All heavy atoms as atom14 arrays in JSON, in Angstrom:
{
  "sequence": "ADTILLVNEELSAKRRVLLEGAQATFLDLDYGTYPFVTSS",
  "atom14_mask": [
    [1, 1, 1, 1, 1, 0, 0, 0, 0, 0, 0, 0, 0, 0],
    [1, 1, 1, 1, 1, 1, 1, 1, 0, 0, 0, 0, 0, 0],
    [1, 1, 1, 1, 1, 1, 1, 0, 0, 0, 0, 0, 0, 0],
    [1, 1, 1, 1, 1, 1, 1, 1, 0, 0, 0, 0, 0, 0],
    [1, 1, 1, 1, 1, 1, 1, 1, 0, 0, 0, 0, 0, 0],
    [1, 1, 1, 1, 1, 1, 1, 1, 0, 0, 0, 0, 0, 0],
    [1, 1, 1, 1, 1, 1, 1, 0, 0, 0, 0, 0, 0, 0],
    [1, 1, 1, 1, 1, 1, 1, 1, 0, 0, 0, 0, 0, 0],
    [1, 1, 1, 1, 1, 1, 1, 1, 1, 0, 0, 0, 0, 0],
    [1, 1, 1, 1, 1, 1, 1, 1, 1, 0, 0, 0, 0, 0],
    [1, 1, 1, 1, 1, 1, 1, 1, 0, 0, 0, 0, 0, 0],
    [1, 1, 1, 1, 1, 1, 0, 0, 0, 0, 0, 0, 0, 0],
    [1, 1, 1, 1, 1, 0, 0, 0, 0, 0, 0, 0, 0, 0],
    [1, 1, 1, 1, 1, 1, 1, 1, 1, 0, 0, 0, 0, 0],
    [1, 1, 1, 1, 1, 1, 1, 1, 1, 1, 1, 0, 0, 0],
    [1, 1, 1, 1, 1, 1, 1, 1, 1, 1, 1, 0, 0, 0],
    [1, 1, 1, 1, 1, 1, 1, 0, 0, 0, 0, 0, 0, 0],
    [1, 1, 1, 1, 1, 1, 1, 1, 0, 0, 0, 0, 0, 0],
    [1, 1, 1, 1, 1, 1, 1, 1, 0, 0, 0, 0, 0, 0],
    [1, 1, 1, 1, 1, 1, 1, 1, 1, 0, 0, 0, 0, 0],
    [1, 1, 1, 1, 0, 0, 0, 0, 0, 0, 0, 0, 0, 0],
    [1, 1, 1, 1, 1, 0, 0, 0, 0, 0, 0, 0, 0, 0],
    [1, 1, 1, 1, 1, 1, 1, 1, 1, 0, 0, 0, 0, 0],
    [1, 1, 1, 1, 1, 0, 0, 0, 0, 0, 0, 0, 0, 0],
    [1, 1, 1, 1, 1, 1, 1, 0, 0, 0, 0, 0, 0, 0],
    [1, 1, 1, 1, 1, 1, 1, 1, 1, 1, 1, 0, 0, 0],
    [1, 1, 1, 1, 1, 1, 1, 1, 0, 0, 0, 0, 0, 0],
    [1, 1, 1, 1, 1, 1, 1, 1, 0, 0, 0, 0, 0, 0],
    [1, 1, 1, 1, 1, 1, 1, 1, 0, 0, 0, 0, 0, 0],
    [1, 1, 1, 1, 1, 1, 1, 1, 0, 0, 0, 0, 0, 0],
    [1, 1, 1, 1, 1, 1, 1, 1, 1, 1, 1, 1, 0, 0],
    [1, 1, 1, 1, 0, 0, 0, 0, 0, 0, 0, 0, 0, 0],
    [1, 1, 1, 1, 1, 1, 1, 0, 0, 0, 0, 0, 0, 0],
    [1, 1, 1, 1, 1, 1, 1, 1, 1, 1, 1, 1, 0, 0],
    [1, 1, 1, 1, 1, 1, 1, 0, 0, 0, 0, 0, 0, 0],
    [1, 1, 1, 1, 1, 1, 1, 1, 1, 1, 1, 0, 0, 0],
    [1, 1, 1, 1, 1, 1, 1, 0, 0, 0, 0, 0, 0, 0],
    [1, 1, 1, 1, 1, 1, 1, 0, 0, 0, 0, 0, 0, 0],
    [1, 1, 1, 1, 1, 1, 0, 0, 0, 0, 0, 0, 0, 0],
    [1, 1, 1, 1, 1, 1, 0, 0, 0, 0, 0, 0, 0, 0]
  ],
  "atom14_positions": [
    [[143.46, 159.35, 87.22], [143.89, 158.04, 86.62], [142.68, 157.3, 86.08], [141.53, 157.52, 86.38], [144.63, 157.19, 87.59], [0.0, 0.0, 0.0], [0.0, 0.0, 0.0], [0.0, 0.0, 0.0], [0.0, 0.0, 0.0], [0.0, 0.0, 0.0], [0.0, 0.0, 0.0], [0.0, 0.0, 0.0], [0.0, 0.0, 0.0], [0.0, 0.0, 0.0]],
    [[142.96, 156.33, 85.26], [141.94, 155.35, 84.81], [141.85, 154.35, 85.86], [142.52, 153.25, 85.83], [142.36, 154.66, 83.46], [141.29, 153.67, 82.92], [140.38, 153.32, 83.7], [141.45, 153.29, 81.76], [0.0, 0.0, 0.0], [0.0, 0.0, 0.0], [0.0, 0.0, 0.0], [0.0, 0.0, 0.0], [0.0, 0.0, 0.0], [0.0, 0.0, 0.0]],
    [[140.99, 154.62, 86.9], [141.03, 153.71, 88.11], [140.37, 152.39, 87.8], [140.65, 151.34, 88.51], [140.32, 154.44, 89.21], [138.92, 154.74, 88.86], [141.01, 155.75, 89.57], [0.0, 0.0, 0.0], [0.0, 0.0, 0.0], [0.0, 0.0, 0.0], [0.0, 0.0, 0.0], [0.0, 0.0, 0.0], [0.0, 0.0, 0.0], [0.0, 0.0, 0.0]],
    [[139.42, 152.37, 86.85], [138.9, 151.06, 86.51], [140.02, 149.99, 85.96], [140.02, 148.84, 86.42], [137.77, 151.22, 85.38], [136.65, 152.01, 85.93], [137.2, 149.84, 84.84], [135.58, 152.42, 84.83], [0.0, 0.0, 0.0], [0.0, 0.0, 0.0], [0.0, 0.0, 0.0], [0.0, 0.0, 0.0], [0.0, 0.0, 0.0], [0.0, 0.0, 0.0]],
    [[140.92, 150.63, 85.17], [141.99, 149.79, 84.75], [143.0, 149.44, 85.89], [143.35, 148.24, 86.04], [142.82, 150.54, 83.62], [144.08, 149.86, 83.14], [143.66, 148.55, 82.44], [144.84, 150.78, 82.2], [0.0, 0.0, 0.0], [0.0, 0.0, 0.0], [0.0, 0.0, 0.0], [0.0, 0.0, 0.0], [0.0, 0.0, 0.0], [0.0, 0.0, 0.0]],
    [[143.26, 150.43, 86.71], [144.12, 150.18, 87.92], [143.54, 149.06, 88.79], [144.27, 148.16, 89.26], [144.35, 151.4, 88.73], [145.17, 152.52, 88.06], [145.21, 153.7, 89.06], [146.51, 152.08, 87.78], [0.0, 0.0, 0.0], [0.0, 0.0, 0.0], [0.0, 0.0, 0.0], [0.0, 0.0, 0.0], [0.0, 0.0, 0.0], [0.0, 0.0, 0.0]],
    [[142.29, 149.2, 89.18], [141.65, 148.24, 90.08], [141.71, 146.79, 89.46], [142.03, 145.84, 90.21], [140.23, 148.57, 90.39], [139.53, 147.55, 91.18], [140.2, 149.93, 91.16], [0.0, 0.0, 0.0], [0.0, 0.0, 0.0], [0.0, 0.0, 0.0], [0.0, 0.0, 0.0], [0.0, 0.0, 0.0], [0.0, 0.0, 0.0], [0.0, 0.0, 0.0]],
    [[141.4, 146.65, 88.18], [141.26, 145.34, 87.63], [142.72, 144.73, 87.34], [142.89, 143.55, 87.43], [140.47, 145.39, 86.31], [138.97, 145.4, 86.6], [138.37, 144.42, 86.78], [138.35, 146.63, 86.62], [0.0, 0.0, 0.0], [0.0, 0.0, 0.0], [0.0, 0.0, 0.0], [0.0, 0.0, 0.0], [0.0, 0.0, 0.0], [0.0, 0.0, 0.0]],
    [[143.67, 145.54, 87.14], [145.04, 145.17, 87.08], [145.56, 144.58, 88.42], [146.26, 143.62, 88.49], [145.98, 146.27, 86.66], [145.96, 146.62, 85.11], [146.87, 147.75, 84.74], [147.33, 148.51, 85.68], [147.12, 147.84, 83.53], [0.0, 0.0, 0.0], [0.0, 0.0, 0.0], [0.0, 0.0, 0.0], [0.0, 0.0, 0.0], [0.0, 0.0, 0.0]],
    [[145.05, 145.3, 89.46], [145.43, 144.82, 90.88], [144.84, 143.43, 91.11], [145.51, 142.58, 91.57], [144.96, 145.84, 91.86], [145.61, 145.81, 93.15], [146.99, 146.43, 93.1], [147.4, 146.98, 92.08], [147.67, 146.48, 94.14], [0.0, 0.0, 0.0], [0.0, 0.0, 0.0], [0.0, 0.0, 0.0], [0.0, 0.0, 0.0], [0.0, 0.0, 0.0]],
    [[143.6, 143.22, 90.72], [142.94, 141.93, 90.91], [143.63, 140.85, 90.02], [143.83, 139.68, 90.44], [141.44, 142.05, 90.6], [140.63, 142.95, 91.58], [139.24, 143.12, 91.01], [140.54, 142.18, 92.91], [0.0, 0.0, 0.0], [0.0, 0.0, 0.0], [0.0, 0.0, 0.0], [0.0, 0.0, 0.0], [0.0, 0.0, 0.0], [0.0, 0.0, 0.0]],
    [[143.94, 141.22, 88.77], [144.61, 140.27, 87.94], [145.95, 139.81, 88.38], [146.41, 138.73, 88.12], [144.77, 140.88, 86.49], [143.53, 141.17, 85.94], [0.0, 0.0, 0.0], [0.0, 0.0, 0.0], [0.0, 0.0, 0.0], [0.0, 0.0, 0.0], [0.0, 0.0, 0.0], [0.0, 0.0, 0.0], [0.0, 0.0, 0.0], [0.0, 0.0, 0.0]],
    [[146.6, 140.79, 89.1], [147.89, 140.42, 89.72], [147.84, 139.67, 91.02], [148.82, 139.46, 91.77], [148.72, 141.68, 90.03], [0.0, 0.0, 0.0], [0.0, 0.0, 0.0], [0.0, 0.0, 0.0], [0.0, 0.0, 0.0], [0.0, 0.0, 0.0], [0.0, 0.0, 0.0], [0.0, 0.0, 0.0], [0.0, 0.0, 0.0], [0.0, 0.0, 0.0]],
    [[146.61, 139.27, 91.33], [146.33, 138.35, 92.48], [146.64, 139.18, 93.84], [146.97, 138.51, 94.85], [147.19, 137.1, 92.55], [146.98, 136.29, 91.22], [145.61, 135.83, 91.02], [145.4, 134.99, 89.67], [144.0, 134.58, 89.45], [0.0, 0.0, 0.0], [0.0, 0.0, 0.0], [0.0, 0.0, 0.0], [0.0, 0.0, 0.0], [0.0, 0.0, 0.0]],
    [[146.44, 140.39, 93.77], [146.48, 141.3, 95.02], [145.08, 141.62, 95.46], [144.11, 141.79, 94.7], [147.34, 142.49, 94.73], [148.8, 142.16, 94.5], [149.58, 143.46, 94.55], [149.5, 144.2, 93.27], [150.26, 144.01, 92.17], [151.24, 143.17, 92.23], [150.03, 144.72, 91.13], [0.0, 0.0, 0.0], [0.0, 0.0, 0.0], [0.0, 0.0, 0.0]],
    [[144.85, 141.79, 96.76], [143.61, 142.06, 97.28], [143.19, 143.61, 97.27], [143.99, 144.33, 97.51], [143.52, 141.53, 98.73], [143.58, 139.98, 98.84], [142.82, 139.48, 100.01], [141.42, 139.76, 99.91], [140.52, 138.81, 99.47], [140.91, 137.63, 99.14], [139.21, 139.18, 99.41], [0.0, 0.0, 0.0], [0.0, 0.0, 0.0], [0.0, 0.0, 0.0]],
    [[141.98, 143.76, 96.92], [141.38, 145.02, 96.8], [140.15, 145.17, 97.78], [139.37, 144.27, 97.85], [140.92, 145.27, 95.38], [140.12, 146.69, 95.31], [142.11, 145.4, 94.4], [0.0, 0.0, 0.0], [0.0, 0.0, 0.0], [0.0, 0.0, 0.0], [0.0, 0.0, 0.0], [0.0, 0.0, 0.0], [0.0, 0.0, 0.0], [0.0, 0.0, 0.0]],
    [[140.11, 146.26, 98.56], [139.02, 146.55, 99.35], [138.12, 147.66, 98.82], [138.61, 148.74, 98.43], [139.51, 146.98, 100.77], [138.5, 147.3, 101.84], [137.62, 146.06, 102.12], [139.17, 147.74, 103.1], [0.0, 0.0, 0.0], [0.0, 0.0, 0.0], [0.0, 0.0, 0.0], [0.0, 0.0, 0.0], [0.0, 0.0, 0.0], [0.0, 0.0, 0.0]],
    [[136.86, 147.41, 98.73], [135.87, 148.39, 98.16], [135.08, 148.88, 99.37], [134.38, 148.27, 100.1], [134.95, 147.72, 97.18], [135.64, 146.92, 96.04], [134.63, 146.21, 95.15], [136.56, 147.78, 95.22], [0.0, 0.0, 0.0], [0.0, 0.0, 0.0], [0.0, 0.0, 0.0], [0.0, 0.0, 0.0], [0.0, 0.0, 0.0], [0.0, 0.0, 0.0]],
    [[135.23, 150.28, 99.53], [134.75, 150.9, 100.75], [133.57, 151.79, 100.37], [133.66, 152.73, 99.59], [135.78, 151.84, 101.32], [135.41, 152.68, 102.49], [136.41, 153.68, 103.06], [137.43, 153.89, 102.28], [136.3, 154.16, 104.1], [0.0, 0.0, 0.0], [0.0, 0.0, 0.0], [0.0, 0.0, 0.0], [0.0, 0.0, 0.0], [0.0, 0.0, 0.0]],
    [[132.39, 151.55, 101.02], [131.21, 152.39, 100.83], [131.09, 153.51, 101.86], [131.66, 153.36, 102.94], [0.0, 0.0, 0.0], [0.0, 0.0, 0.0], [0.0, 0.0, 0.0], [0.0, 0.0, 0.0], [0.0, 0.0, 0.0], [0.0, 0.0, 0.0], [0.0, 0.0, 0.0], [0.0, 0.0, 0.0], [0.0, 0.0, 0.0], [0.0, 0.0, 0.0]],
    [[130.43, 154.5, 101.52], [130.03, 155.65, 102.45], [128.59, 155.37, 102.82], [127.83, 154.68, 102.21], [130.27, 156.98, 101.84], [0.0, 0.0, 0.0], [0.0, 0.0, 0.0], [0.0, 0.0, 0.0], [0.0, 0.0, 0.0], [0.0, 0.0, 0.0], [0.0, 0.0, 0.0], [0.0, 0.0, 0.0], [0.0, 0.0, 0.0], [0.0, 0.0, 0.0]],
    [[128.07, 156.14, 103.83], [126.73, 155.92, 104.3], [126.41, 154.52, 104.53], [127.27, 153.75, 105.08], [125.75, 156.58, 103.37], [125.82, 158.18, 103.26], [126.8, 158.6, 102.19], [127.08, 158.11, 101.15], [127.54, 159.66, 102.59], [0.0, 0.0, 0.0], [0.0, 0.0, 0.0], [0.0, 0.0, 0.0], [0.0, 0.0, 0.0], [0.0, 0.0, 0.0]],
    [[125.2, 154.0, 104.16], [124.86, 152.62, 104.62], [123.62, 152.18, 103.86], [122.92, 152.92, 103.17], [124.64, 152.6, 106.16], [0.0, 0.0, 0.0], [0.0, 0.0, 0.0], [0.0, 0.0, 0.0], [0.0, 0.0, 0.0], [0.0, 0.0, 0.0], [0.0, 0.0, 0.0], [0.0, 0.0, 0.0], [0.0, 0.0, 0.0], [0.0, 0.0, 0.0]],
    [[123.24, 150.97, 104.13], [122.14, 150.23, 103.45], [120.85, 151.09, 103.54], [120.14, 151.17, 102.53], [121.94, 148.85, 104.07], [123.14, 148.1, 103.81], [120.68, 148.18, 103.38], [0.0, 0.0, 0.0], [0.0, 0.0, 0.0], [0.0, 0.0, 0.0], [0.0, 0.0, 0.0], [0.0, 0.0, 0.0], [0.0, 0.0, 0.0], [0.0, 0.0, 0.0]],
    [[120.41, 151.57, 104.72], [119.21, 152.15, 104.88], [119.23, 153.75, 104.54], [118.21, 154.44, 104.61], [118.7, 152.07, 106.27], [118.22, 150.65, 106.53], [119.09, 149.66, 107.02], [116.92, 150.31, 106.25], [118.7, 148.35, 107.15], [116.49, 148.93, 106.42], [117.34, 148.01, 106.89], [0.0, 0.0, 0.0], [0.0, 0.0, 0.0], [0.0, 0.0, 0.0]],
    [[120.37, 154.12, 103.9], [120.46, 155.39, 103.25], [120.59, 155.3, 101.75], [120.73, 156.19, 101.04], [121.59, 156.23, 103.77], [121.49, 156.72, 105.22], [122.75, 157.4, 105.64], [120.36, 157.65, 105.39], [0.0, 0.0, 0.0], [0.0, 0.0, 0.0], [0.0, 0.0, 0.0], [0.0, 0.0, 0.0], [0.0, 0.0, 0.0], [0.0, 0.0, 0.0]],
    [[120.46, 153.96, 101.31], [120.62, 153.7, 99.83], [119.44, 154.23, 99.11], [118.26, 154.2, 99.51], [120.65, 152.19, 99.68], [120.95, 151.76, 98.19], [120.05, 151.77, 97.38], [122.14, 151.5, 97.88], [0.0, 0.0, 0.0], [0.0, 0.0, 0.0], [0.0, 0.0, 0.0], [0.0, 0.0, 0.0], [0.0, 0.0, 0.0], [0.0, 0.0, 0.0]],
    [[119.67, 154.86, 97.98], [118.63, 155.48, 97.12], [117.49, 154.52, 96.77], [116.38, 154.97, 96.72], [119.28, 156.08, 95.86], [118.37, 156.9, 94.98], [117.8, 158.08, 95.65], [119.14, 157.35, 93.68], [0.0, 0.0, 0.0], [0.0, 0.0, 0.0], [0.0, 0.0, 0.0], [0.0, 0.0, 0.0], [0.0, 0.0, 0.0], [0.0, 0.0, 0.0]],
    [[117.74, 153.23, 96.53], [116.76, 152.32, 96.16], [116.27, 151.47, 97.25], [115.17, 150.96, 97.27], [117.33, 151.38, 95.01], [117.54, 152.14, 93.76], [116.51, 152.6, 93.14], [118.69, 152.38, 93.24], [0.0, 0.0, 0.0], [0.0, 0.0, 0.0], [0.0, 0.0, 0.0], [0.0, 0.0, 0.0], [0.0, 0.0, 0.0], [0.0, 0.0, 0.0]],
    [[117.14, 151.19, 98.26], [116.79, 150.18, 99.28], [116.62, 150.77, 100.65], [116.37, 150.07, 101.61], [117.91, 149.12, 99.34], [118.05, 148.37, 98.1], [119.13, 148.65, 97.22], [117.17, 147.38, 97.71], [119.26, 148.01, 95.95], [117.23, 146.65, 96.51], [118.34, 147.0, 95.68], [118.45, 146.36, 94.39], [0.0, 0.0, 0.0], [0.0, 0.0, 0.0]],
    [[116.96, 152.09, 100.8], [116.81, 152.71, 102.13], [115.38, 153.25, 102.45], [114.47, 152.98, 101.73], [0.0, 0.0, 0.0], [0.0, 0.0, 0.0], [0.0, 0.0, 0.0], [0.0, 0.0, 0.0], [0.0, 0.0, 0.0], [0.0, 0.0, 0.0], [0.0, 0.0, 0.0], [0.0, 0.0, 0.0], [0.0, 0.0, 0.0], [0.0, 0.0, 0.0]],
    [[115.33, 154.03, 103.47], [114.08, 154.63, 104.01], [113.75, 155.86, 103.23], [113.76, 156.95, 103.73], [114.09, 154.86, 105.48], [115.38, 155.62, 105.82], [114.1, 153.6, 106.29], [0.0, 0.0, 0.0], [0.0, 0.0, 0.0], [0.0, 0.0, 0.0], [0.0, 0.0, 0.0], [0.0, 0.0, 0.0], [0.0, 0.0, 0.0], [0.0, 0.0, 0.0]],
    [[113.51, 155.71, 101.97], [113.16, 156.75, 100.96], [111.99, 157.64, 101.5], [111.07, 157.02, 101.96], [112.83, 156.14, 99.62], [112.73, 157.15, 98.55], [113.96, 157.46, 97.72], [111.64, 157.83, 98.18], [113.8, 158.42, 96.72], [111.51, 158.72, 97.18], [112.56, 159.05, 96.45], [112.52, 159.96, 95.39], [0.0, 0.0, 0.0], [0.0, 0.0, 0.0]],
    [[112.07, 159.01, 101.39], [113.05, 159.77, 100.79], [114.22, 160.25, 101.67], [114.98, 161.02, 101.22], [112.16, 161.04, 100.33], [111.28, 161.18, 101.39], [110.88, 159.8, 101.83], [0.0, 0.0, 0.0], [0.0, 0.0, 0.0], [0.0, 0.0, 0.0], [0.0, 0.0, 0.0], [0.0, 0.0, 0.0], [0.0, 0.0, 0.0], [0.0, 0.0, 0.0]],
    [[114.25, 159.66, 102.84], [115.29, 160.09, 103.78], [116.52, 159.26, 103.62], [116.96, 158.44, 104.42], [114.78, 159.96, 105.19], [113.5, 160.73, 105.49], [112.23, 160.09, 105.44], [113.5, 162.05, 105.72], [111.09, 160.78, 105.64], [112.31, 162.83, 105.88], [111.14, 162.2, 105.87], [0.0, 0.0, 0.0], [0.0, 0.0, 0.0], [0.0, 0.0, 0.0]],
    [[117.1, 159.44, 102.39], [118.25, 158.61, 101.93], [119.33, 159.51, 101.32], [119.1, 160.75, 101.16], [117.72, 157.55, 100.89], [116.83, 156.59, 101.62], [117.06, 158.17, 99.8], [0.0, 0.0, 0.0], [0.0, 0.0, 0.0], [0.0, 0.0, 0.0], [0.0, 0.0, 0.0], [0.0, 0.0, 0.0], [0.0, 0.0, 0.0], [0.0, 0.0, 0.0]],
    [[120.39, 158.99, 100.87], [121.38, 159.63, 100.13], [121.03, 159.53, 98.63], [120.05, 158.84, 98.33], [122.86, 159.15, 100.49], [123.81, 160.01, 99.99], [123.08, 157.68, 99.94], [0.0, 0.0, 0.0], [0.0, 0.0, 0.0], [0.0, 0.0, 0.0], [0.0, 0.0, 0.0], [0.0, 0.0, 0.0], [0.0, 0.0, 0.0], [0.0, 0.0, 0.0]],
    [[121.96, 160.02, 97.8], [121.6, 160.04, 96.33], [122.37, 159.06, 95.51], [122.51, 159.19, 94.32], [121.88, 161.44, 95.84], [121.09, 162.44, 96.47], [0.0, 0.0, 0.0], [0.0, 0.0, 0.0], [0.0, 0.0, 0.0], [0.0, 0.0, 0.0], [0.0, 0.0, 0.0], [0.0, 0.0, 0.0], [0.0, 0.0, 0.0], [0.0, 0.0, 0.0]],
    [[122.94, 158.03, 96.22], [123.71, 156.97, 95.57], [123.4, 155.64, 96.15], [122.47, 155.55, 96.95], [125.17, 157.36, 95.65], [125.59, 157.42, 96.99], [0.0, 0.0, 0.0], [0.0, 0.0, 0.0], [0.0, 0.0, 0.0], [0.0, 0.0, 0.0], [0.0, 0.0, 0.0], [0.0, 0.0, 0.0], [0.0, 0.0, 0.0], [0.0, 0.0, 0.0]]
  ]
}
């Protein structure tokens, strides 16, 4: 699906959306303990 459209339609309809991350801050490609990090 066009999930960008779906998510923003949900927000426009005043319904709550939860954005779920995997891994964590210190595995972040830019902010983590590089190079022992993930790729996103």
